[in-house]
Protein backbone atom coordinates (compact mmCIF):
# COMPACT_ATOMS: atom_id res chain seq x y z
CA MET A 1 20.53 6.81 13.45
CA ASN A 2 18.51 9.74 12.20
CA SER A 3 20.00 9.61 8.69
CA PHE A 4 19.29 5.86 8.54
CA LEU A 5 15.61 6.51 9.35
CA ILE A 6 15.37 9.19 6.67
CA ILE A 7 16.86 6.91 4.01
CA PHE A 8 14.62 4.05 5.21
CA GLN A 9 11.53 6.27 4.94
CA ILE A 10 12.47 7.36 1.43
CA PHE A 11 12.86 3.71 0.40
CA ILE A 12 9.53 2.70 1.99
CA SER A 13 7.69 5.67 0.44
CA VAL A 14 8.96 4.77 -3.05
CA LEU A 15 7.91 1.16 -2.41
CA ILE A 16 4.41 2.27 -1.35
CA VAL A 17 4.01 4.42 -4.47
CA ALA A 18 5.11 1.54 -6.69
CA LEU A 19 2.75 -0.91 -4.97
CA VAL A 20 -0.20 1.44 -5.33
CA PHE A 21 0.47 1.94 -9.03
CA LEU A 22 0.94 -1.80 -9.62
CA GLN A 23 -2.39 -2.76 -8.11
CA ALA A 24 -5.00 -3.78 -10.64
CA SER A 25 -7.60 -1.22 -11.59
CA GLY A 26 -9.42 -3.13 -14.33
CA ASP A 27 -13.20 -3.18 -14.66
CA SER A 28 -13.48 0.14 -12.88
CA GLU A 29 -16.91 0.81 -14.36
CA SER A 30 -18.48 -2.33 -12.93
CA ARG A 31 -16.74 -1.90 -9.58
CA THR A 32 -18.13 1.58 -9.04
CA ASN A 33 -21.68 0.67 -9.98
CA ILE A 34 -23.50 -0.14 -6.74
CA MET A 35 -26.42 -1.74 -8.56
CA THR A 36 -24.42 -4.72 -9.88
CA SER A 37 -24.80 -8.05 -8.12
CA VAL A 38 -21.27 -9.21 -8.97
CA ASN A 39 -19.00 -9.64 -5.95
CA PHE A 40 -15.35 -8.76 -6.50
CA GLU A 41 -12.81 -10.54 -4.36
CA LYS A 42 -9.06 -10.18 -4.31
CA ARG A 43 -7.33 -13.44 -5.16
CA GLY A 44 -3.77 -14.60 -5.61
CA TRP A 45 -1.16 -12.00 -6.42
CA GLU A 46 -3.61 -9.10 -6.09
CA LYS A 47 -4.36 -10.12 -2.49
CA VAL A 48 -0.64 -10.49 -1.66
CA MET A 49 0.12 -7.02 -3.05
CA TYR A 50 -2.83 -5.55 -1.14
CA TYR A 51 -1.62 -6.93 2.19
CA PHE A 52 1.99 -6.01 1.42
CA THR A 53 0.89 -2.44 0.72
CA ILE A 54 -0.94 -2.25 4.04
CA GLY A 55 2.12 -3.68 5.82
CA SER A 56 4.40 -1.17 4.12
CA ILE A 57 2.18 1.70 5.18
CA PHE A 58 2.21 0.40 8.75
CA VAL A 59 6.05 0.16 8.72
CA PHE A 60 6.26 3.70 7.32
CA LEU A 61 3.94 4.97 10.06
CA LEU A 62 6.00 3.27 12.77
CA SER A 63 9.26 4.64 11.39
CA SER A 64 7.74 8.13 11.33
CA ILE A 65 6.73 7.82 14.98
CA VAL A 66 10.20 6.54 15.94
CA GLN A 67 11.82 9.41 14.07
CA THR A 68 9.76 12.00 15.94
CA LEU A 69 10.65 10.44 19.30
CA ILE A 70 14.40 10.48 18.63
């Protein structure tokens, strides 16, 4: 069981890294400027990847807690 959790955590960690790198980072100048009145909202595929990344992090956290309890 312990080796399965280790392999699962490696897979999830690689998935999290890939998801973070795949997220859009365009228009970084206008997003960091607090004086702009343009509202940026995640839509479509960007929103799906954002929520999938958060879910993957949550699964990784839970698997880490389970591994420490076993």
